[in-house]
Amino acid sequence: MSITVYSKPACNQCDATKRAFDRVGLEISVIDMTQDLEAFEKVKAAGAQAAPFVEVSFEDGSTKSWAGFQPEEILALV
């Protein structure tokens, strides 16, 4: 499983999401959308209107994504 968190600076929901992943022991990659225009465009194209945007890729090729701080989604991955 590969997890990418598209984040932005000074974002409480982004920080809470990163802490929640850390608490459950899941490794994440963090991309700052304010520094990566391609990442910002990808998140926008996905229809997300809140940060962070989390994208999970599973071994079977399926994906799951959500926007905002969603602790129940994080727990469901454990």
PDB file of N, CA and C in Angstrom:
ATOM      1  N   MET A   1       0.855  -1.172   0.000  1.00  0.00           N
ATOM      2  CA  MET A   1       0.000   0.000   0.000  1.00  0.00           C
ATOM      3  C   MET A   1       0.901   1.235   0.000  1.00  0.00           C
ATOM      4  N   SER A   2       0.520   2.202  -0.812  1.00  0.00           N
ATOM      5  CA  SER A   2       1.252   3.461  -0.916  1.00  0.00           C
ATOM      6  C   SER A   2       0.281   4.599  -0.585  1.00  0.00           C
ATOM      7  N   ILE A   3       0.691   5.491   0.314  1.00  0.00           N
ATOM      8  CA  ILE A   3      -0.188   6.570   0.763  1.00  0.00           C
ATOM      9  C   ILE A   3       0.495   7.903   0.500  1.00  0.00           C
ATOM     10  N   THR A   4      -0.207   8.786  -0.197  1.00  0.00           N
ATOM     11  CA  THR A   4       0.292  10.131  -0.453  1.00  0.00           C
ATOM     12  C   THR A   4      -0.677  11.135   0.142  1.00  0.00           C
ATOM     13  N   VAL A   5      -0.124  12.067   0.917  1.00  0.00           N
ATOM     14  CA  VAL A   5      -0.915  13.143   1.512  1.00  0.00           C
ATOM     15  C   VAL A   5      -0.503  14.436   0.827  1.00  0.00           C
ATOM     16  N   TYR A   6      -1.444  15.033   0.111  1.00  0.00           N
ATOM     17  CA  TYR A   6      -1.225  16.329  -0.524  1.00  0.00           C
ATOM     18  C   TYR A   6      -1.634  17.379   0.505  1.00  0.00           C
ATOM     19  N   SER A   7      -0.667  18.171   0.915  1.00  0.00           N
ATOM     20  CA  SER A   7      -0.826  19.046   2.066  1.00  0.00           C
ATOM     21  C   SER A   7      -0.509  20.485   1.694  1.00  0.00           C
ATOM     22  N   LYS A   8      -0.712  21.378   2.652  1.00  0.00           N
ATOM     23  CA  LYS A   8      -0.282  22.762   2.494  1.00  0.00           C
ATOM     24  C   LYS A   8       0.172  23.280   3.857  1.00  0.00           C
ATOM     25  N   PRO A   9       1.013  24.301   3.884  1.00  0.00           N
ATOM     26  CA  PRO A   9       1.527  24.823   5.148  1.00  0.00           C
ATOM     27  C   PRO A   9       0.415  25.441   6.005  1.00  0.00           C
ATOM     28  N   ALA A  10       0.635  25.443   7.301  1.00  0.00           N
ATOM     29  CA  ALA A  10      -0.280  26.065   8.267  1.00  0.00           C
ATOM     30  C   ALA A  10      -1.705  25.527   8.130  1.00  0.00           C
ATOM     31  N   CYS A  11      -1.823  24.231   7.916  1.00  0.00           N
ATOM     32  CA  CYS A  11      -3.123  23.584   7.731  1.00  0.00           C
ATOM     33  C   CYS A  11      -3.352  22.621   8.895  1.00  0.00           C
ATOM     34  N   ASN A  12      -4.278  22.967   9.785  1.00  0.00           N
ATOM     35  CA  ASN A  12      -4.535  22.131  10.959  1.00  0.00           C
ATOM     36  C   ASN A  12      -5.012  20.737  10.582  1.00  0.00           C
ATOM     37  N   GLN A  13      -5.895  20.634   9.590  1.00  0.00           N
ATOM     38  CA  GLN A  13      -6.383  19.326   9.168  1.00  0.00           C
ATOM     39  C   GLN A  13      -5.260  18.481   8.557  1.00  0.00           C
ATOM     40  N   CYS A  14      -4.353  19.149   7.849  1.00  0.00           N
ATOM     41  CA  CYS A  14      -3.206  18.437   7.266  1.00  0.00           C
ATOM     42  C   CYS A  14      -2.323  17.879   8.376  1.00  0.00           C
ATOM     43  N   ASP A  15      -2.036  18.710   9.368  1.00  0.00           N
ATOM     44  CA  ASP A  15      -1.193  18.273  10.484  1.00  0.00           C
ATOM     45  C   ASP A  15      -1.856  17.143  11.259  1.00  0.00           C
ATOM     46  N   ALA A  16      -3.163  17.235  11.492  1.00  0.00           N
ATOM     47  CA  ALA A  16      -3.885  16.184  12.214  1.00  0.00           C
ATOM     48  C   ALA A  16      -3.856  14.876  11.426  1.00  0.00           C
ATOM     49  N   THR A  17      -3.973  14.959  10.116  1.00  0.00           N
ATOM     50  CA  THR A  17      -3.931  13.764   9.267  1.00  0.00           C
ATOM     51  C   THR A  17      -2.566  13.100   9.346  1.00  0.00           C
ATOM     52  N   LYS A  18      -1.509  13.887   9.233  1.00  0.00           N
ATOM     53  CA  LYS A  18      -0.154  13.334   9.302  1.00  0.00           C
ATOM     54  C   LYS A  18       0.101  12.691  10.666  1.00  0.00           C
ATOM     55  N   ARG A  19      -0.346  13.328  11.742  1.00  0.00           N
ATOM     56  CA  ARG A  19      -0.183  12.752  13.084  1.00  0.00           C
ATOM     57  C   ARG A  19      -0.962  11.447  13.222  1.00  0.00           C
ATOM     58  N   ALA A  20      -2.169  11.403  12.672  1.00  0.00           N
ATOM     59  CA  ALA A  20      -2.997  10.194  12.771  1.00  0.00           C
ATOM     60  C   ALA A  20      -2.334   9.025  12.040  1.00  0.00           C
ATOM     61  N   PHE A  21      -1.776   9.269  10.876  1.00  0.00           N
ATOM     62  CA  PHE A  21      -1.065   8.204  10.163  1.00  0.00           C
ATOM     63  C   PHE A  21       0.137   7.734  10.980  1.00  0.00           C
ATOM     64  N   ASP A  22       0.839   8.675  11.590  1.00  0.00           N
ATOM     65  CA  ASP A  22       1.990   8.326  12.416  1.00  0.00           C
ATOM     66  C   ASP A  22       1.564   7.472  13.611  1.00  0.00           C
ATOM     67  N   ARG A  23       0.455   7.841  14.256  1.00  0.00           N
ATOM     68  CA  ARG A  23      -0.040   7.094  15.425  1.00  0.00           C
ATOM     69  C   ARG A  23      -0.372   5.649  15.096  1.00  0.00           C
ATOM     70  N   VAL A  24      -0.909   5.406  13.915  1.00  0.00           N
ATOM     71  CA  VAL A  24      -1.271   4.024  13.553  1.00  0.00           C
ATOM     72  C   VAL A  24      -0.129   3.289  12.849  1.00  0.00           C
ATOM     73  N   GLY A  25       0.985   3.972  12.658  1.00  0.00           N
ATOM     74  CA  GLY A  25       2.164   3.319  12.114  1.00  0.00           C
ATOM     75  C   GLY A  25       2.176   3.132  10.614  1.00  0.00           C
ATOM     76  N   LEU A  26       1.422   3.945   9.892  1.00  0.00           N
ATOM     77  CA  LEU A  26       1.419   3.846   8.431  1.00  0.00           C
ATOM     78  C   LEU A  26       2.337   4.912   7.842  1.00  0.00           C
ATOM     79  N   GLU A  27       3.212   4.484   6.951  1.00  0.00           N
ATOM     80  CA  GLU A  27       4.157   5.391   6.308  1.00  0.00           C
ATOM     81  C   GLU A  27       3.465   6.151   5.184  1.00  0.00           C
ATOM     82  N   ILE A  28       3.731   7.441   5.118  1.00  0.00           N
ATOM     83  CA  ILE A  28       3.118   8.282   4.086  1.00  0.00           C
ATOM     84  C   ILE A  28       4.184   9.090   3.359  1.00  0.00           C
ATOM     85  N   SER A  29       3.841   9.506   2.156  1.00  0.00           N
ATOM     86  CA  SER A  29       4.618  10.499   1.419  1.00  0.00           C
ATOM     87  C   SER A  29       3.806  11.785   1.475  1.00  0.00           C
ATOM     88  N   VAL A  30       4.467  12.897   1.752  1.00  0.00           N
ATOM     89  CA  VAL A  30       3.782  14.183   1.843  1.00  0.00           C
ATOM     90  C   VAL A  30       4.255  15.075   0.716  1.00  0.00           C
ATOM     91  N   ILE A  31       3.291  15.656   0.003  1.00  0.00           N
ATOM     92  CA  ILE A  31       3.596  16.597  -1.074  1.00  0.00           C
ATOM     93  C   ILE A  31       2.922  17.923  -0.738  1.00  0.00           C
ATOM     94  N   ASP A  32       3.713  18.985  -0.728  1.00  0.00           N
ATOM     95  CA  ASP A  32       3.210  20.333  -0.460  1.00  0.00           C
ATOM     96  C   ASP A  32       2.616  20.892  -1.755  1.00  0.00           C
ATOM     97  N   MET A  33       1.297  21.021  -1.777  1.00  0.00           N
ATOM     98  CA  MET A  33       0.614  21.506  -2.991  1.00  0.00           C
ATOM     99  C   MET A  33       0.968  22.937  -3.350  1.00  0.00           C
ATOM    100  N   THR A  34       1.441  23.717  -2.375  1.00  0.00           N
ATOM    101  CA  THR A  34       1.794  25.106  -2.675  1.00  0.00           C
ATOM    102  C   THR A  34       3.144  25.203  -3.379  1.00  0.00           C
ATOM    103  N   GLN A  35       3.908  24.109  -3.359  1.00  0.00           N
ATOM    104  CA  GLN A  35       5.219  24.092  -3.992  1.00  0.00           C
ATOM    105  C   GLN A  35       5.258  23.224  -5.244  1.00  0.00           C
ATOM    106  N   ASP A  36       4.168  22.527  -5.523  1.00  0.00           N
ATOM    107  CA  ASP A  36       4.133  21.581  -6.645  1.00  0.00           C
ATOM    108  C   ASP A  36       2.843  21.809  -7.438  1.00  0.00           C
ATOM    109  N   LEU A  37       2.951  22.576  -8.520  1.00  0.00           N
ATOM    110  CA  LEU A  37       1.775  22.928  -9.324  1.00  0.00           C
ATOM    111  C   LEU A  37       1.116  21.690  -9.925  1.00  0.00           C
ATOM    112  N   GLU A  38       1.899  20.711 -10.332  1.00  0.00           N
ATOM    113  CA  GLU A  38       1.339  19.485 -10.899  1.00  0.00           C
ATOM    114  C   GLU A  38       0.483  18.749  -9.861  1.00  0.00           C
ATOM    115  N   ALA A  39       0.955  18.709  -8.629  1.00  0.00           N
ATOM    116  CA  ALA A  39       0.192  18.070  -7.549  1.00  0.00           C
ATOM    117  C   ALA A  39      -1.098  18.840  -7.282  1.00  0.00           C
ATOM    118  N   PHE A  40      -1.005  20.170  -7.271  1.00  0.00           N
ATOM    119  CA  PHE A  40      -2.196  20.994  -7.062  1.00  0.00           C
ATOM    120  C   PHE A  40      -3.231  20.733  -8.150  1.00  0.00           C
ATOM    121  N   GLU A  41      -2.800  20.673  -9.386  1.00  0.00           N
ATOM    122  CA  GLU A  41      -3.712  20.423 -10.501  1.00  0.00           C
ATOM    123  C   GLU A  41      -4.342  19.030 -10.402  1.00  0.00           C
ATOM    124  N   LYS A  42      -3.579  18.048  -9.963  1.00  0.00           N
ATOM    125  CA  LYS A  42      -4.098  16.688  -9.790  1.00  0.00           C
ATOM    126  C   LYS A  42      -5.205  16.667  -8.739  1.00  0.00           C
ATOM    127  N   VAL A  43      -4.979  17.327  -7.626  1.00  0.00           N
ATOM    128  CA  VAL A  43      -5.972  17.386  -6.542  1.00  0.00           C
ATOM    129  C   VAL A  43      -7.221  18.124  -7.020  1.00  0.00           C
ATOM    130  N   LYS A  44      -7.019  19.227  -7.711  1.00  0.00           N
ATOM    131  CA  LYS A  44      -8.143  20.004  -8.241  1.00  0.00           C
ATOM    132  C   LYS A  44      -8.955  19.174  -9.232  1.00  0.00           C
ATOM    133  N   ALA A  45      -8.275  18.429 -10.102  1.00  0.00           N
ATOM    134  CA  ALA A  45      -8.956  17.588 -11.094  1.00  0.00           C
ATOM    135  C   ALA A  45      -9.760  16.479 -10.429  1.00  0.00           C
ATOM    136  N   ALA A  46      -9.320  16.044  -9.252  1.00  0.00           N
ATOM    137  CA  ALA A  46     -10.043  15.000  -8.517  1.00  0.00           C
ATOM    138  C   ALA A  46     -11.295  15.557  -7.837  1.00  0.00           C
ATOM    139  N   GLY A  47     -11.460  16.877  -7.866  1.00  0.00           N
ATOM    140  CA  GLY A  47     -12.640  17.498  -7.293  1.00  0.00           C
ATOM    141  C   GLY A  47     -12.527  17.839  -5.820  1.00  0.00           C
ATOM    142  N   ALA A  48     -11.345  17.666  -5.250  1.00  0.00           N
ATOM    143  CA  ALA A  48     -11.157  17.972  -3.827  1.00  0.00           C
ATOM    144  C   ALA A  48     -11.208  19.475  -3.604  1.00  0.00           C
ATOM    145  N   GLN A  49     -11.932  19.861  -2.566  1.00  0.00           N
ATOM    146  CA  GLN A  49     -12.035  21.281  -2.237  1.00  0.00           C
ATOM    147  C   GLN A  49     -11.562  21.571  -0.821  1.00  0.00           C
ATOM    148  N   ALA A  50     -10.897  20.602  -0.212  1.00  0.00           N
ATOM    149  CA  ALA A  50     -10.356  20.772   1.130  1.00  0.00           C
ATOM    150  C   ALA A  50      -9.007  20.082   1.199  1.00  0.00           C
ATOM    151  N   ALA A  51      -8.171  20.599   2.060  1.00  0.00           N
ATOM    152  CA  ALA A  51      -6.875  19.968   2.310  1.00  0.00           C
ATOM    153  C   ALA A  51      -6.941  19.290   3.671  1.00  0.00           C
ATOM    154  N   PRO A  52      -6.233  18.209   3.837  1.00  0.00           N
ATOM    155  CA  PRO A  52      -5.389  17.546   2.861  1.00  0.00           C
ATOM    156  C   PRO A  52      -6.206  16.682   1.906  1.00  0.00           C
ATOM    157  N   PHE A  53      -5.558  16.253   0.840  1.00  0.00           N
ATOM    158  CA  PHE A  53      -6.124  15.271  -0.062  1.00  0.00           C
ATOM    159  C   PHE A  53      -5.270  14.029   0.092  1.00  0.00           C
ATOM    160  N   VAL A  54      -5.901  12.922   0.429  1.00  0.00           N
ATOM    161  CA  VAL A  54      -5.179  11.671   0.674  1.00  0.00           C
ATOM    162  C   VAL A  54      -5.494  10.692  -0.456  1.00  0.00           C
ATOM    163  N   GLU A  55      -4.444  10.113  -1.015  1.00  0.00           N
ATOM    164  CA  GLU A  55      -4.598   9.130  -2.074  1.00  0.00           C
ATOM    165  C   GLU A  55      -3.887   7.843  -1.652  1.00  0.00           C
ATOM    166  N   VAL A  56      -4.630   6.748  -1.657  1.00  0.00           N
ATOM    167  CA  VAL A  56      -4.094   5.447  -1.257  1.00  0.00           C
ATOM    168  C   VAL A  56      -4.121   4.522  -2.473  1.00  0.00           C
ATOM    169  N   SER A  57      -2.984   3.911  -2.764  1.00  0.00           N
ATOM    170  CA  SER A  57      -2.891   2.932  -3.845  1.00  0.00           C
ATOM    171  C   SER A  57      -2.625   1.572  -3.209  1.00  0.00           C
ATOM    172  N   PHE A  58      -3.465   0.604  -3.544  1.00  0.00           N
ATOM    173  CA  PHE A  58      -3.353  -0.735  -2.985  1.00  0.00           C
ATOM    174  C   PHE A  58      -2.578  -1.640  -3.932  1.00  0.00           C
ATOM    175  N   GLU A  59      -2.099  -2.753  -3.399  1.00  0.00           N
ATOM    176  CA  GLU A  59      -1.304  -3.716  -4.167  1.00  0.00           C
ATOM    177  C   GLU A  59      -2.057  -4.262  -5.375  1.00  0.00           C
ATOM    178  N   ASP A  60      -3.381  -4.367  -5.280  1.00  0.00           N
ATOM    179  CA  ASP A  60      -4.166  -4.928  -6.389  1.00  0.00           C
ATOM    180  C   ASP A  60      -4.458  -3.910  -7.498  1.00  0.00           C
ATOM    181  N   GLY A  61      -3.914  -2.694  -7.357  1.00  0.00           N
ATOM    182  CA  GLY A  61      -4.106  -1.662  -8.368  1.00  0.00           C
ATOM    183  C   GLY A  61      -5.263  -0.728  -8.096  1.00  0.00           C
ATOM    184  N   SER A  62      -6.076  -1.042  -7.106  1.00  0.00           N
ATOM    185  CA  SER A  62      -7.194  -0.155  -6.778  1.00  0.00           C
ATOM    186  C   SER A  62      -6.692   1.046  -5.977  1.00  0.00           C
ATOM    187  N   THR A  63      -7.509   2.094  -5.957  1.00  0.00           N
ATOM    188  CA  THR A  63      -7.154   3.300  -5.220  1.00  0.00           C
ATOM    189  C   THR A  63      -8.340   3.772  -4.400  1.00  0.00           C
ATOM    190  N   LYS A  64      -8.023   4.601  -3.426  1.00  0.00           N
ATOM    191  CA  LYS A  64      -9.046   5.227  -2.584  1.00  0.00           C
ATOM    192  C   LYS A  64      -8.529   6.621  -2.268  1.00  0.00           C
ATOM    193  N   SER A  65      -9.426   7.586  -2.213  1.00  0.00           N
ATOM    194  CA  SER A  65      -8.992   8.942  -1.884  1.00  0.00           C
ATOM    195  C   SER A  65     -10.087   9.670  -1.108  1.00  0.00           C
ATOM    196  N   TRP A  66      -9.648  10.681  -0.375  1.00  0.00           N
ATOM    197  CA  TRP A  66     -10.589  11.538   0.351  1.00  0.00           C
ATOM    198  C   TRP A  66      -9.920  12.877   0.647  1.00  0.00           C
ATOM    199  N   ALA A  67     -10.746  13.845   0.990  1.00  0.00           N
ATOM    200  CA  ALA A  67     -10.252  15.176   1.334  1.00  0.00           C
ATOM    201  C   ALA A  67     -10.613  15.490   2.780  1.00  0.00           C
ATOM    202  N   GLY A  68      -9.765  16.287   3.409  1.00  0.00           N
ATOM    203  CA  GLY A  68     -10.002  16.698   4.786  1.00  0.00           C
ATOM    204  C   GLY A  68      -9.485  15.662   5.774  1.00  0.00           C
ATOM    205  N   PHE A  69      -9.604  15.981   7.055  1.00  0.00           N
ATOM    206  CA  PHE A  69      -9.175  15.072   8.117  1.00  0.00           C
ATOM    207  C   PHE A  69     -10.276  14.048   8.326  1.00  0.00           C
ATOM    208  N   GLN A  70      -9.980  12.793   8.004  1.00  0.00           N
ATOM    209  CA  GLN A  70     -10.954  11.698   8.084  1.00  0.00           C
ATOM    210  C   GLN A  70     -10.346  10.553   8.898  1.00  0.00           C
ATOM    211  N   PRO A  71     -10.360  10.659  10.239  1.00  0.00           N
ATOM    212  CA  PRO A  71      -9.713   9.626  11.050  1.00  0.00           C
ATOM    213  C   PRO A  71     -10.292   8.232  10.845  1.00  0.00           C
ATOM    214  N   GLU A  72     -11.586   8.124  10.540  1.00  0.00           N
ATOM    215  CA  GLU A  72     -12.183   6.801  10.325  1.00  0.00           C
ATOM    216  C   GLU A  72     -11.634   6.148   9.068  1.00  0.00           C
ATOM    217  N   GLU A  73     -11.301   6.935   8.052  1.00  0.00           N
ATOM    218  CA  GLU A  73     -10.696   6.395   6.828  1.00  0.00           C
ATOM    219  C   GLU A  73      -9.289   5.881   7.112  1.00  0.00           C
ATOM    220  N   ILE A  74      -8.558   6.609   7.939  1.00  0.00           N
ATOM    221  CA  ILE A  74      -7.204   6.193   8.306  1.00  0.00           C
ATOM    222  C   ILE A  74      -7.247   4.891   9.082  1.00  0.00           C
ATOM    223  N   LEU A  75      -8.135   4.799  10.056  1.00  0.00           N
ATOM    224  CA  LEU A  75      -8.261   3.574  10.859  1.00  0.00           C
ATOM    225  C   LEU A  75      -8.670   2.389  10.007  1.00  0.00           C
ATOM    226  N   ALA A  76      -9.477   2.621   8.994  1.00  0.00           N
ATOM    227  CA  ALA A  76      -9.937   1.529   8.124  1.00  0.00           C
ATOM    228  C   ALA A  76      -8.780   0.919   7.324  1.00  0.00           C
ATOM    229  N   LEU A  77      -7.685   1.641   7.187  1.00  0.00           N
ATOM    230  CA  LEU A  77      -6.538   1.143   6.432  1.00  0.00           C
ATOM    231  C   LEU A  77      -5.646   0.214   7.252  1.00  0.00           C
ATOM    232  N   VAL A  78      -5.811   0.259   8.564  1.00  0.00           N
ATOM    233  CA  VAL A  78      -4.939  -0.530   9.460  1.00  0.00           C
ATOM    234  C   VAL A  78      -5.360  -1.990   9.445  1.00  0.00           C
TER     235      VAL A  78
END
